[in-house]
Amino acid sequence: MPASGDGRPSVTVIGCVQADVVVSPVTDLPAPGASALIDRASVRVGGAGANSALALVEAGLSVRLMGCVGDDPLGGLMREELAPWGLGGELAILAGEPTGLTLALESSRRDRTFLTYLGVNSHWTPAMIPADALRCESLLLCDYFVAPGMQGAAAHGLLDAARLGGARTFFDTAWDPDGFREAARASVLDLLPAVDVFLPNEAEACALAELDPDAAPWAARRLQRLSGGWVVVKLGARGALAVGPDGIELEVRAPEVHAVDTTGAGDAFNAGLIAALASGAAWQPALERAAAFASGVVARPSGARYRPPASASVG
């Protein structure tokens, strides 16, 4: 399989790059016309594409990040923040268009919620991605539902081209803002045969399989039958479960940590799993390494999520 010039496993990440504004605690919104104080706020580079790429660099892989930003000050800040990790140099920059942004509302009393402005991600297409970016050992396609130009046939083309070049393909849709209606479910299910490892969280897997929210094992089995590859369902603080070919079923529990900021936890898990599999690990230890890696990331402060190794490189 393709690898970087220095021998490190190569991975290309195709996903959104945007600003994440993380605020907490926000359990309930103030009444109309009112205001409330919060304890913590941070602004950092985000989007599943950037989060995954940063985590993969920390994990020691040679990473190419394909994403899109505007030529506005926010896009410049995103590129600056990615530069120490050797990322950002291959991002598409659209003149006159605003960079995307997500407001993440966190609370210890409920699950996170997000408000996302697509910005340039509304206009991003596969034509903006260099063809040689698909020549890699692993390809991670993420942020499917917040990158309209990368959906359907466009996603199929990227996955098929990477596979043709020998890559192992990984796919993470993120949550569908429209609630996984029939057409959206059909578009994802149509892609699964081109995916080696599908990486939904529990809510996404159950919605795609049209099952109750607490039916993750049954959802994973149903999705795996459509895929033929591996389906790994992320369960948050409970860990993850995986269903593979020939009826293989595995589970892993997440280490107990004090979670400081859980935004991007699933992206860190994805990165840990890709890195472990690229190193030749078997599936059970790979899942354990992924859970441990993600737990370590969410225990860090919002402004210091990822640690670049000395060998950080674009590949």
C-alpha atoms as a PDB file:
ATOM      1  CA  MET A   1       0.000   0.000   0.000  1.00  0.00           C
ATOM      2  CA  PRO A   2       1.114   3.634  -0.471  1.00  0.00           C
ATOM      3  CA  ALA A   3       3.160   5.055   2.382  1.00  0.00           C
ATOM      4  CA  SER A   4       4.965   8.300   3.099  1.00  0.00           C
ATOM      5  CA  GLY A   5       8.539   8.854   2.007  1.00  0.00           C
ATOM      6  CA  ASP A   6       9.800   8.407   5.557  1.00  0.00           C
ATOM      7  CA  GLY A   7       8.066   5.051   5.955  1.00  0.00           C
ATOM      8  CA  ARG A   8       5.261   6.212   8.246  1.00  0.00           C
ATOM      9  CA  PRO A   9       1.754   5.018   7.345  1.00  0.00           C
ATOM     10  CA  SER A  10       0.031   7.600   5.149  1.00  0.00           C
ATOM     11  CA  VAL A  11      -3.517   8.798   5.623  1.00  0.00           C
ATOM     12  CA  THR A  12      -5.614  11.352   3.777  1.00  0.00           C
ATOM     13  CA  VAL A  13      -8.456  13.037   5.652  1.00  0.00           C
ATOM     14  CA  ILE A  14     -11.313  14.584   3.691  1.00  0.00           C
ATOM     15  CA  GLY A  15     -13.539  16.604   5.995  1.00  0.00           C
ATOM     16  CA  CYS A  16     -14.569  20.040   7.165  1.00  0.00           C
ATOM     17  CA  VAL A  17     -12.200  22.620   8.589  1.00  0.00           C
ATOM     18  CA  GLN A  18     -13.921  25.350  10.544  1.00  0.00           C
ATOM     19  CA  ALA A  19     -13.859  27.302  13.780  1.00  0.00           C
ATOM     20  CA  ASP A  20     -15.262  25.584  16.864  1.00  0.00           C
ATOM     21  CA  VAL A  21     -16.630  27.889  19.552  1.00  0.00           C
ATOM     22  CA  VAL A  22     -17.020  25.691  22.647  1.00  0.00           C
ATOM     23  CA  VAL A  23     -19.020  27.079  25.592  1.00  0.00           C
ATOM     24  CA  SER A  24     -19.985  25.447  28.880  1.00  0.00           C
ATOM     25  CA  PRO A  25     -21.931  24.811  30.927  1.00  0.00           C
ATOM     26  CA  VAL A  26     -25.063  25.387  28.864  1.00  0.00           C
ATOM     27  CA  THR A  27     -27.809  23.124  30.163  1.00  0.00           C
ATOM     28  CA  ASP A  28     -30.717  25.352  29.103  1.00  0.00           C
ATOM     29  CA  LEU A  29     -30.899  28.420  26.910  1.00  0.00           C
ATOM     30  CA  PRO A  30     -31.931  31.700  28.562  1.00  0.00           C
ATOM     31  CA  ALA A  31     -35.493  32.884  28.084  1.00  0.00           C
ATOM     32  CA  PRO A  32     -36.112  35.143  25.066  1.00  0.00           C
ATOM     33  CA  GLY A  33     -34.530  38.538  25.704  1.00  0.00           C
ATOM     34  CA  ALA A  34     -32.573  37.287  28.725  1.00  0.00           C
ATOM     35  CA  SER A  35     -28.902  36.416  29.152  1.00  0.00           C
ATOM     36  CA  ALA A  36     -26.827  33.977  31.187  1.00  0.00           C
ATOM     37  CA  LEU A  37     -23.198  33.660  32.261  1.00  0.00           C
ATOM     38  CA  ILE A  38     -21.008  30.679  31.414  1.00  0.00           C
ATOM     39  CA  ASP A  39     -17.828  29.408  33.060  1.00  0.00           C
ATOM     40  CA  ARG A  40     -15.710  28.458  30.042  1.00  0.00           C
ATOM     41  CA  ALA A  41     -15.364  29.392  26.377  1.00  0.00           C
ATOM     42  CA  SER A  42     -12.763  28.658  23.725  1.00  0.00           C
ATOM     43  CA  VAL A  43     -12.282  29.237  20.003  1.00  0.00           C
ATOM     44  CA  ARG A  44     -10.181  26.710  18.139  1.00  0.00           C
ATOM     45  CA  VAL A  45      -9.753  25.021  14.800  1.00  0.00           C
ATOM     46  CA  GLY A  46     -12.381  22.318  14.455  1.00  0.00           C
ATOM     47  CA  GLY A  47     -14.577  20.291  12.171  1.00  0.00           C
ATOM     48  CA  ALA A  48     -14.228  16.526  12.000  1.00  0.00           C
ATOM     49  CA  GLY A  49     -11.649  16.858   9.236  1.00  0.00           C
ATOM     50  CA  ALA A  50      -9.304  19.071  11.244  1.00  0.00           C
ATOM     51  CA  ASN A  51      -9.927  17.239  14.525  1.00  0.00           C
ATOM     52  CA  SER A  52      -9.152  13.864  12.969  1.00  0.00           C
ATOM     53  CA  ALA A  53      -6.062  15.115  11.135  1.00  0.00           C
ATOM     54  CA  LEU A  54      -4.612  16.700  14.269  1.00  0.00           C
ATOM     55  CA  ALA A  55      -5.174  13.509  16.240  1.00  0.00           C
ATOM     56  CA  LEU A  56      -3.646  11.386  13.478  1.00  0.00           C
ATOM     57  CA  VAL A  57      -0.504  13.530  13.443  1.00  0.00           C
ATOM     58  CA  GLU A  58      -0.208  13.071  17.208  1.00  0.00           C
ATOM     59  CA  ALA A  59      -0.618   9.327  16.659  1.00  0.00           C
ATOM     60  CA  GLY A  60       2.435   9.394  14.393  1.00  0.00           C
ATOM     61  CA  LEU A  61       0.977   9.064  10.899  1.00  0.00           C
ATOM     62  CA  SER A  62       1.872  11.051   7.802  1.00  0.00           C
ATOM     63  CA  VAL A  63      -1.263  13.099   7.174  1.00  0.00           C
ATOM     64  CA  ARG A  64      -2.734  15.086   4.307  1.00  0.00           C
ATOM     65  CA  LEU A  65      -5.786  17.183   5.198  1.00  0.00           C
ATOM     66  CA  MET A  66      -8.273  18.085   2.468  1.00  0.00           C
ATOM     67  CA  GLY A  67     -10.760  20.756   3.489  1.00  0.00           C
ATOM     68  CA  CYS A  68     -12.032  24.187   2.544  1.00  0.00           C
ATOM     69  CA  VAL A  69     -11.852  27.625   4.203  1.00  0.00           C
ATOM     70  CA  GLY A  70     -12.633  31.169   3.154  1.00  0.00           C
ATOM     71  CA  ASP A  71     -10.098  33.922   2.535  1.00  0.00           C
ATOM     72  CA  ASP A  72     -11.454  35.765   5.577  1.00  0.00           C
ATOM     73  CA  PRO A  73      -9.591  36.352   8.886  1.00  0.00           C
ATOM     74  CA  LEU A  74     -11.209  33.258  10.413  1.00  0.00           C
ATOM     75  CA  GLY A  75      -9.871  31.087   7.594  1.00  0.00           C
ATOM     76  CA  GLY A  76      -6.423  32.590   8.135  1.00  0.00           C
ATOM     77  CA  LEU A  77      -6.629  31.755  11.831  1.00  0.00           C
ATOM     78  CA  MET A  78      -7.566  28.159  11.038  1.00  0.00           C
ATOM     79  CA  ARG A  79      -4.546  27.789   8.749  1.00  0.00           C
ATOM     80  CA  GLU A  80      -2.284  29.323  11.389  1.00  0.00           C
ATOM     81  CA  GLU A  81      -3.500  26.897  14.032  1.00  0.00           C
ATOM     82  CA  LEU A  82      -2.941  23.908  11.746  1.00  0.00           C
ATOM     83  CA  ALA A  83       0.559  24.953  10.661  1.00  0.00           C
ATOM     84  CA  PRO A  84       2.495  23.568  13.690  1.00  0.00           C
ATOM     85  CA  TRP A  85       1.153  20.100  12.822  1.00  0.00           C
ATOM     86  CA  GLY A  86       2.208  20.348   9.184  1.00  0.00           C
ATOM     87  CA  LEU A  87      -1.435  20.731   8.108  1.00  0.00           C
ATOM     88  CA  GLY A  88      -3.355  23.483   6.355  1.00  0.00           C
ATOM     89  CA  GLY A  89      -1.127  23.929   3.318  1.00  0.00           C
ATOM     90  CA  GLU A  90      -3.422  21.943   1.017  1.00  0.00           C
ATOM     91  CA  LEU A  91      -6.740  23.449   2.051  1.00  0.00           C
ATOM     92  CA  ALA A  92      -8.886  24.927  -0.703  1.00  0.00           C
ATOM     93  CA  ILE A  93      -9.329  28.673  -0.138  1.00  0.00           C
ATOM     94  CA  LEU A  94     -12.412  30.290  -1.644  1.00  0.00           C
ATOM     95  CA  ALA A  95     -12.199  34.015  -2.292  1.00  0.00           C
ATOM     96  CA  GLY A  96     -15.040  36.119  -0.970  1.00  0.00           C
ATOM     97  CA  GLU A  97     -16.592  33.257   0.995  1.00  0.00           C
ATOM     98  CA  PRO A  98     -16.846  32.920   4.813  1.00  0.00           C
ATOM     99  CA  THR A  99     -15.215  30.103   6.756  1.00  0.00           C
ATOM    100  CA  GLY A 100     -17.576  27.657   8.471  1.00  0.00           C
ATOM    101  CA  LEU A 101     -18.238  27.755  12.205  1.00  0.00           C
ATOM    102  CA  THR A 102     -19.827  25.529  14.842  1.00  0.00           C
ATOM    103  CA  LEU A 103     -21.073  26.608  18.255  1.00  0.00           C
ATOM    104  CA  ALA A 104     -20.792  23.655  20.658  1.00  0.00           C
ATOM    105  CA  LEU A 105     -22.928  23.817  23.813  1.00  0.00           C
ATOM    106  CA  GLU A 106     -21.662  21.507  26.547  1.00  0.00           C
ATOM    107  CA  SER A 107     -23.055  20.554  29.946  1.00  0.00           C
ATOM    108  CA  SER A 108     -22.416  17.780  32.460  1.00  0.00           C
ATOM    109  CA  ARG A 109     -26.188  17.356  32.758  1.00  0.00           C
ATOM    110  CA  ARG A 110     -26.967  16.511  29.119  1.00  0.00           C
ATOM    111  CA  ASP A 111     -25.343  15.485  25.865  1.00  0.00           C
ATOM    112  CA  ARG A 112     -23.654  18.100  23.694  1.00  0.00           C
ATOM    113  CA  THR A 113     -25.589  20.072  21.095  1.00  0.00           C
ATOM    114  CA  PHE A 114     -24.248  21.961  18.089  1.00  0.00           C
ATOM    115  CA  LEU A 115     -25.210  24.891  15.903  1.00  0.00           C
ATOM    116  CA  THR A 116     -23.325  24.881  12.580  1.00  0.00           C
ATOM    117  CA  TYR A 117     -22.903  27.510   9.872  1.00  0.00           C
ATOM    118  CA  LEU A 118     -21.638  25.799   6.706  1.00  0.00           C
ATOM    119  CA  GLY A 119     -19.977  28.803   5.064  1.00  0.00           C
ATOM    120  CA  VAL A 120     -17.546  27.651   2.357  1.00  0.00           C
ATOM    121  CA  ASN A 121     -18.426  24.021   3.023  1.00  0.00           C
ATOM    122  CA  SER A 122     -21.598  24.665   1.015  1.00  0.00           C
ATOM    123  CA  HIS A 123     -19.435  25.107  -2.095  1.00  0.00           C
ATOM    124  CA  TRP A 124     -16.677  22.528  -1.542  1.00  0.00           C
ATOM    125  CA  THR A 125     -16.452  19.798  -4.216  1.00  0.00           C
ATOM    126  CA  PRO A 126     -14.149  16.874  -5.108  1.00  0.00           C
ATOM    127  CA  ALA A 127     -12.716  18.956  -7.967  1.00  0.00           C
ATOM    128  CA  MET A 128     -10.849  20.947  -5.284  1.00  0.00           C
ATOM    129  CA  ILE A 129      -9.008  17.825  -4.063  1.00  0.00           C
ATOM    130  CA  PRO A 130      -5.714  16.835  -5.774  1.00  0.00           C
ATOM    131  CA  ALA A 131      -6.014  13.430  -7.429  1.00  0.00           C
ATOM    132  CA  ASP A 132      -2.811  12.208  -5.783  1.00  0.00           C
ATOM    133  CA  ALA A 133      -4.333  12.789  -2.340  1.00  0.00           C
ATOM    134  CA  LEU A 134      -6.257   9.568  -2.824  1.00  0.00           C
ATOM    135  CA  ARG A 135      -3.032   7.562  -3.146  1.00  0.00           C
ATOM    136  CA  CYS A 136      -2.614   6.716   0.516  1.00  0.00           C
ATOM    137  CA  GLU A 137      -2.650   3.766   2.885  1.00  0.00           C
ATOM    138  CA  SER A 138      -5.834   4.924   4.634  1.00  0.00           C
ATOM    139  CA  LEU A 139      -8.562   7.346   3.589  1.00  0.00           C
ATOM    140  CA  LEU A 140     -10.938   8.910   6.118  1.00  0.00           C
ATOM    141  CA  LEU A 141     -14.016  10.579   4.626  1.00  0.00           C
ATOM    142  CA  CYS A 142     -15.958  12.453   7.293  1.00  0.00           C
ATOM    143  CA  ASP A 143     -18.458  15.313   7.774  1.00  0.00           C
ATOM    144  CA  TYR A 144     -20.688  13.849   5.056  1.00  0.00           C
ATOM    145  CA  PHE A 145     -23.834  15.690   6.097  1.00  0.00           C
ATOM    146  CA  VAL A 146     -22.213  19.129   6.416  1.00  0.00           C
ATOM    147  CA  ALA A 147     -20.480  19.057   3.028  1.00  0.00           C
ATOM    148  CA  PRO A 148     -23.287  18.911   0.429  1.00  0.00           C
ATOM    149  CA  GLY A 149     -20.929  18.764  -2.566  1.00  0.00           C
ATOM    150  CA  MET A 150     -19.249  15.646  -1.187  1.00  0.00           C
ATOM    151  CA  GLN A 151     -22.420  13.572  -0.906  1.00  0.00           C
ATOM    152  CA  GLY A 152     -23.808  10.777  -3.065  1.00  0.00           C
ATOM    153  CA  ALA A 153     -21.906  10.068  -6.277  1.00  0.00           C
ATOM    154  CA  ALA A 154     -19.122  12.458  -5.237  1.00  0.00           C
ATOM    155  CA  ALA A 155     -18.402  10.442  -2.105  1.00  0.00           C
ATOM    156  CA  HIS A 156     -18.633   7.191  -4.052  1.00  0.00           C
ATOM    157  CA  GLY A 157     -16.037   8.448  -6.510  1.00  0.00           C
ATOM    158  CA  LEU A 158     -13.597   9.377  -3.731  1.00  0.00           C
ATOM    159  CA  LEU A 159     -14.000   6.065  -1.916  1.00  0.00           C
ATOM    160  CA  ASP A 160     -13.736   3.987  -5.083  1.00  0.00           C
ATOM    161  CA  ALA A 161     -10.632   5.833  -6.302  1.00  0.00           C
ATOM    162  CA  ALA A 162      -8.889   5.404  -2.960  1.00  0.00           C
ATOM    163  CA  ARG A 163      -9.717   1.712  -2.838  1.00  0.00           C
ATOM    164  CA  LEU A 164      -8.496   1.244  -6.401  1.00  0.00           C
ATOM    165  CA  GLY A 165      -5.141   2.645  -5.290  1.00  0.00           C
ATOM    166  CA  GLY A 166      -4.937   0.188  -2.394  1.00  0.00           C
ATOM    167  CA  ALA A 167      -6.244   2.324   0.470  1.00  0.00           C
ATOM    168  CA  ARG A 168      -8.348   1.089   3.373  1.00  0.00           C
ATOM    169  CA  THR A 169     -11.433   3.332   3.472  1.00  0.00           C
ATOM    170  CA  PHE A 170     -12.971   4.779   6.640  1.00  0.00           C
ATOM    171  CA  PHE A 171     -16.271   6.702   6.680  1.00  0.00           C
ATOM    172  CA  ASP A 172     -17.961   8.829   9.350  1.00  0.00           C
ATOM    173  CA  THR A 173     -21.138  10.680   8.375  1.00  0.00           C
ATOM    174  CA  ALA A 174     -21.663  12.876  11.465  1.00  0.00           C
ATOM    175  CA  TRP A 175     -25.246  13.633  12.465  1.00  0.00           C
ATOM    176  CA  ASP A 176     -27.726  14.534   9.738  1.00  0.00           C
ATOM    177  CA  PRO A 177     -29.269  17.946  10.605  1.00  0.00           C
ATOM    178  CA  ASP A 178     -32.441  16.867   8.777  1.00  0.00           C
ATOM    179  CA  GLY A 179     -32.863  13.807  10.971  1.00  0.00           C
ATOM    180  CA  PHE A 180     -31.912  10.958   8.608  1.00  0.00           C
ATOM    181  CA  ARG A 181     -34.878  11.073   6.276  1.00  0.00           C
ATOM    182  CA  GLU A 182     -35.372   8.270   3.767  1.00  0.00           C
ATOM    183  CA  ALA A 183     -33.266   9.816   0.973  1.00  0.00           C
ATOM    184  CA  ALA A 184     -30.390  10.561   3.336  1.00  0.00           C
ATOM    185  CA  ARG A 185     -30.434   7.041   4.764  1.00  0.00           C
ATOM    186  CA  ALA A 186     -30.488   5.574   1.257  1.00  0.00           C
ATOM    187  CA  SER A 187     -27.501   7.670   0.164  1.00  0.00           C
ATOM    188  CA  VAL A 188     -25.394   6.466   3.101  1.00  0.00           C
ATOM    189  CA  LEU A 189     -26.436   2.826   2.785  1.00  0.00           C
ATOM    190  CA  ASP A 190     -25.545   2.939  -0.907  1.00  0.00           C
ATOM    191  CA  LEU A 191     -21.986   3.961   0.040  1.00  0.00           C
ATOM    192  CA  LEU A 192     -21.365   1.230   2.602  1.00  0.00           C
ATOM    193  CA  PRO A 193     -20.138  -1.458   0.151  1.00  0.00           C
ATOM    194  CA  ALA A 194     -17.294   0.953  -0.768  1.00  0.00           C
ATOM    195  CA  VAL A 195     -16.340   1.376   2.912  1.00  0.00           C
ATOM    196  CA  ASP A 196     -13.953  -0.905   4.780  1.00  0.00           C
ATOM    197  CA  VAL A 197     -14.662   0.595   8.214  1.00  0.00           C
ATOM    198  CA  PHE A 198     -17.858   2.536   8.956  1.00  0.00           C
ATOM    199  CA  LEU A 199     -17.656   4.700  12.092  1.00  0.00           C
ATOM    200  CA  PRO A 200     -21.063   5.995  13.268  1.00  0.00           C
ATOM    201  CA  ASN A 201     -21.913   6.883  16.823  1.00  0.00           C
ATOM    202  CA  GLU A 202     -24.795   5.153  18.580  1.00  0.00           C
ATOM    203  CA  ALA A 203     -27.497   7.637  17.577  1.00  0.00           C
ATOM    204  CA  GLU A 204     -26.348   7.711  13.943  1.00  0.00           C
ATOM    205  CA  ALA A 205     -26.168   3.932  13.641  1.00  0.00           C
ATOM    206  CA  CYS A 206     -29.649   3.442  15.077  1.00  0.00           C
ATOM    207  CA  ALA A 207     -31.128   6.177  12.885  1.00  0.00           C
ATOM    208  CA  LEU A 208     -29.565   4.686   9.746  1.00  0.00           C
ATOM    209  CA  ALA A 209     -30.799   1.206  10.651  1.00  0.00           C
ATOM    210  CA  GLU A 210     -34.253   2.557  11.577  1.00  0.00           C
ATOM    211  CA  LEU A 211     -34.067   1.108  15.080  1.00  0.00           C
ATOM    212  CA  ASP A 212     -34.701   2.475  18.558  1.00  0.00           C
ATOM    213  CA  PRO A 213     -31.906   4.695  19.957  1.00  0.00           C
ATOM    214  CA  ASP A 214     -30.776   2.005  22.415  1.00  0.00           C
ATOM    215  CA  ALA A 215     -30.435  -0.774  19.809  1.00  0.00           C
ATOM    216  CA  ALA A 216     -26.783  -0.229  18.847  1.00  0.00           C
ATOM    217  CA  PRO A 217     -25.777  -3.931  18.580  1.00  0.00           C
ATOM    218  CA  TRP A 218     -28.684  -4.723  16.257  1.00  0.00           C
ATOM    219  CA  ALA A 219     -27.993  -1.577  14.238  1.00  0.00           C
ATOM    220  CA  ALA A 220     -24.336  -2.529  13.846  1.00  0.00           C
ATOM    221  CA  ARG A 221     -25.266  -6.016  12.640  1.00  0.00           C
ATOM    222  CA  ARG A 222     -27.766  -4.648  10.130  1.00  0.00           C
ATOM    223  CA  LEU A 223     -25.301  -2.093   8.764  1.00  0.00           C
ATOM    224  CA  GLN A 224     -22.499  -4.654   8.591  1.00  0.00           C
ATOM    225  CA  ARG A 225     -24.613  -6.939   6.428  1.00  0.00           C
ATOM    226  CA  LEU A 226     -24.997  -4.074   3.960  1.00  0.00           C
ATOM    227  CA  SER A 227     -21.329  -3.130   4.107  1.00  0.00           C
ATOM    228  CA  GLY A 228     -19.551  -6.446   4.169  1.00  0.00           C
ATOM    229  CA  GLY A 229     -16.716  -4.730   6.033  1.00  0.00           C
ATOM    230  CA  TRP A 230     -16.457  -3.522   9.629  1.00  0.00           C
ATOM    231  CA  VAL A 231     -18.957  -1.346  11.468  1.00  0.00           C
ATOM    232  CA  VAL A 232     -17.664   0.303  14.637  1.00  0.00           C
ATOM    233  CA  VAL A 233     -20.302   2.042  16.748  1.00  0.00           C
ATOM    234  CA  LYS A 234     -18.975   4.638  19.184  1.00  0.00           C
ATOM    235  CA  LEU A 235     -20.788   4.633  22.527  1.00  0.00           C
ATOM    236  CA  GLY A 236     -19.225   7.684  24.180  1.00  0.00           C
ATOM    237  CA  ALA A 237     -18.086   7.095  27.739  1.00  0.00           C
ATOM    238  CA  ARG A 238     -19.260   3.452  27.456  1.00  0.00           C
ATOM    239  CA  GLY A 239     -16.653   2.651  24.804  1.00  0.00           C
ATOM    240  CA  ALA A 240     -17.451   1.054  21.440  1.00  0.00           C
ATOM    241  CA  LEU A 241     -18.674  -2.107  19.774  1.00  0.00           C
ATOM    242  CA  ALA A 242     -17.565  -3.530  16.449  1.00  0.00           C
ATOM    243  CA  VAL A 243     -19.150  -6.029  14.079  1.00  0.00           C
ATOM    244  CA  GLY A 244     -17.054  -7.517  11.300  1.00  0.00           C
ATOM    245  CA  PRO A 245     -17.140 -10.178   8.602  1.00  0.00           C
ATOM    246  CA  ASP A 246     -18.001 -13.779   9.495  1.00  0.00           C
ATOM    247  CA  GLY A 247     -20.097 -12.719  12.490  1.00  0.00           C
ATOM    248  CA  ILE A 248     -17.187 -11.295  14.513  1.00  0.00           C
ATOM    249  CA  GLU A 249     -18.393  -9.082  17.375  1.00  0.00           C
ATOM    250  CA  LEU A 250     -16.092  -7.164  19.715  1.00  0.00           C
ATOM    251  CA  GLU A 251     -16.559  -4.667  22.526  1.00  0.00           C
ATOM    252  CA  VAL A 252     -14.287  -2.268  24.349  1.00  0.00           C
ATOM    253  CA  ARG A 253     -14.872  -0.119  27.415  1.00  0.00           C
ATOM    254  CA  ALA A 254     -13.497   3.411  27.591  1.00  0.00           C
ATOM    255  CA  PRO A 255     -11.032   4.150  30.414  1.00  0.00           C
ATOM    256  CA  GLU A 256     -12.470   6.320  33.169  1.00  0.00           C
ATOM    257  CA  VAL A 257     -11.144   9.878  32.945  1.00  0.00           C
ATOM    258  CA  HIS A 258     -12.225  13.341  33.990  1.00  0.00           C
ATOM    259  CA  ALA A 259     -13.574  14.658  30.688  1.00  0.00           C
ATOM    260  CA  VAL A 260     -12.773  18.347  30.299  1.00  0.00           C
ATOM    261  CA  ASP A 261     -14.080  18.820  26.748  1.00  0.00           C
ATOM    262  CA  THR A 262     -15.802  16.011  24.852  1.00  0.00           C
ATOM    263  CA  THR A 263     -16.190  17.828  21.523  1.00  0.00           C
ATOM    264  CA  GLY A 264     -14.194  15.845  18.973  1.00  0.00           C
ATOM    265  CA  ALA A 265     -14.098  12.666  21.064  1.00  0.00           C
ATOM    266  CA  GLY A 266     -15.392  10.557  18.176  1.00  0.00           C
ATOM    267  CA  ASP A 267     -12.827  12.072  15.819  1.00  0.00           C
ATOM    268  CA  ALA A 268     -10.036  11.173  18.247  1.00  0.00           C
ATOM    269  CA  PHE A 269     -11.373   7.615  18.474  1.00  0.00           C
ATOM    270  CA  ASN A 270     -11.377   7.365  14.678  1.00  0.00           C
ATOM    271  CA  ALA A 271      -7.776   8.567  14.565  1.00  0.00           C
ATOM    272  CA  GLY A 272      -6.663   6.138  17.242  1.00  0.00           C
ATOM    273  CA  LEU A 273      -8.291   3.236  15.422  1.00  0.00           C
ATOM    274  CA  ILE A 274      -6.810   4.165  12.032  1.00  0.00           C
ATOM    275  CA  ALA A 275      -3.345   4.501  13.577  1.00  0.00           C
ATOM    276  CA  ALA A 276      -3.608   1.195  15.425  1.00  0.00           C
ATOM    277  CA  LEU A 277      -4.781  -0.722  12.353  1.00  0.00           C
ATOM    278  CA  ALA A 278      -2.100   0.935  10.202  1.00  0.00           C
ATOM    279  CA  SER A 279       0.523  -0.319  12.655  1.00  0.00           C
ATOM    280  CA  GLY A 280      -0.709  -3.879  12.119  1.00  0.00           C
ATOM    281  CA  ALA A 281      -2.659  -4.277  15.363  1.00  0.00           C
ATOM    282  CA  ALA A 282      -5.411  -6.875  15.514  1.00  0.00           C
ATOM    283  CA  TRP A 283      -8.936  -5.613  15.930  1.00  0.00           C
ATOM    284  CA  GLN A 284      -9.429  -6.053  19.681  1.00  0.00           C
ATOM    285  CA  PRO A 285      -6.210  -4.264  20.712  1.00  0.00           C
ATOM    286  CA  ALA A 286      -6.841  -1.659  18.010  1.00  0.00           C
ATOM    287  CA  LEU A 287     -10.223  -0.841  19.568  1.00  0.00           C
ATOM    288  CA  GLU A 288      -8.642  -0.665  23.009  1.00  0.00           C
ATOM    289  CA  ARG A 289      -5.957   1.711  21.761  1.00  0.00           C
ATOM    290  CA  ALA A 290      -8.565   3.878  20.065  1.00  0.00           C
ATOM    291  CA  ALA A 291     -10.663   4.145  23.232  1.00  0.00           C
ATOM    292  CA  ALA A 292      -7.620   4.974  25.348  1.00  0.00           C
ATOM    293  CA  PHE A 293      -6.427   7.588  22.860  1.00  0.00           C
ATOM    294  CA  ALA A 294      -9.817   9.329  22.705  1.00  0.00           C
ATOM    295  CA  SER A 295     -10.125   9.283  26.490  1.00  0.00           C
ATOM    296  CA  GLY A 296      -6.759  10.988  26.778  1.00  0.00           C
ATOM    297  CA  VAL A 297      -7.758  13.707  24.330  1.00  0.00           C
ATOM    298  CA  VAL A 298     -11.052  14.623  26.044  1.00  0.00           C
ATOM    299  CA  ALA A 299      -9.253  14.900  29.395  1.00  0.00           C
ATOM    300  CA  ARG A 300      -7.149  17.802  28.074  1.00  0.00           C
ATOM    301  CA  PRO A 301      -8.077  21.505  28.113  1.00  0.00           C
ATOM    302  CA  SER A 302      -9.939  22.902  25.090  1.00  0.00           C
ATOM    303  CA  GLY A 303      -6.954  25.015  24.084  1.00  0.00           C
ATOM    304  CA  ALA A 304      -4.462  22.142  24.195  1.00  0.00           C
ATOM    305  CA  ARG A 305      -6.253  19.177  22.690  1.00  0.00           C
ATOM    306  CA  TYR A 306      -3.503  17.684  20.515  1.00  0.00           C
ATOM    307  CA  ARG A 307       0.247  17.259  20.887  1.00  0.00           C
ATOM    308  CA  PRO A 308       2.331  17.448  17.707  1.00  0.00           C
ATOM    309  CA  PRO A 309       5.228  14.981  17.624  1.00  0.00           C
ATOM    310  CA  ALA A 310       8.613  16.253  16.467  1.00  0.00           C
ATOM    311  CA  SER A 311       8.064  14.427  13.181  1.00  0.00           C
ATOM    312  CA  ALA A 312       4.841  16.272  12.233  1.00  0.00           C
ATOM    313  CA  SER A 313       4.542  16.175   8.440  1.00  0.00           C
ATOM    314  CA  VAL A 314       2.082  16.631   5.617  1.00  0.00           C
ATOM    315  CA  GLY A 315       3.281  13.423   4.023  1.00  0.00           C
END
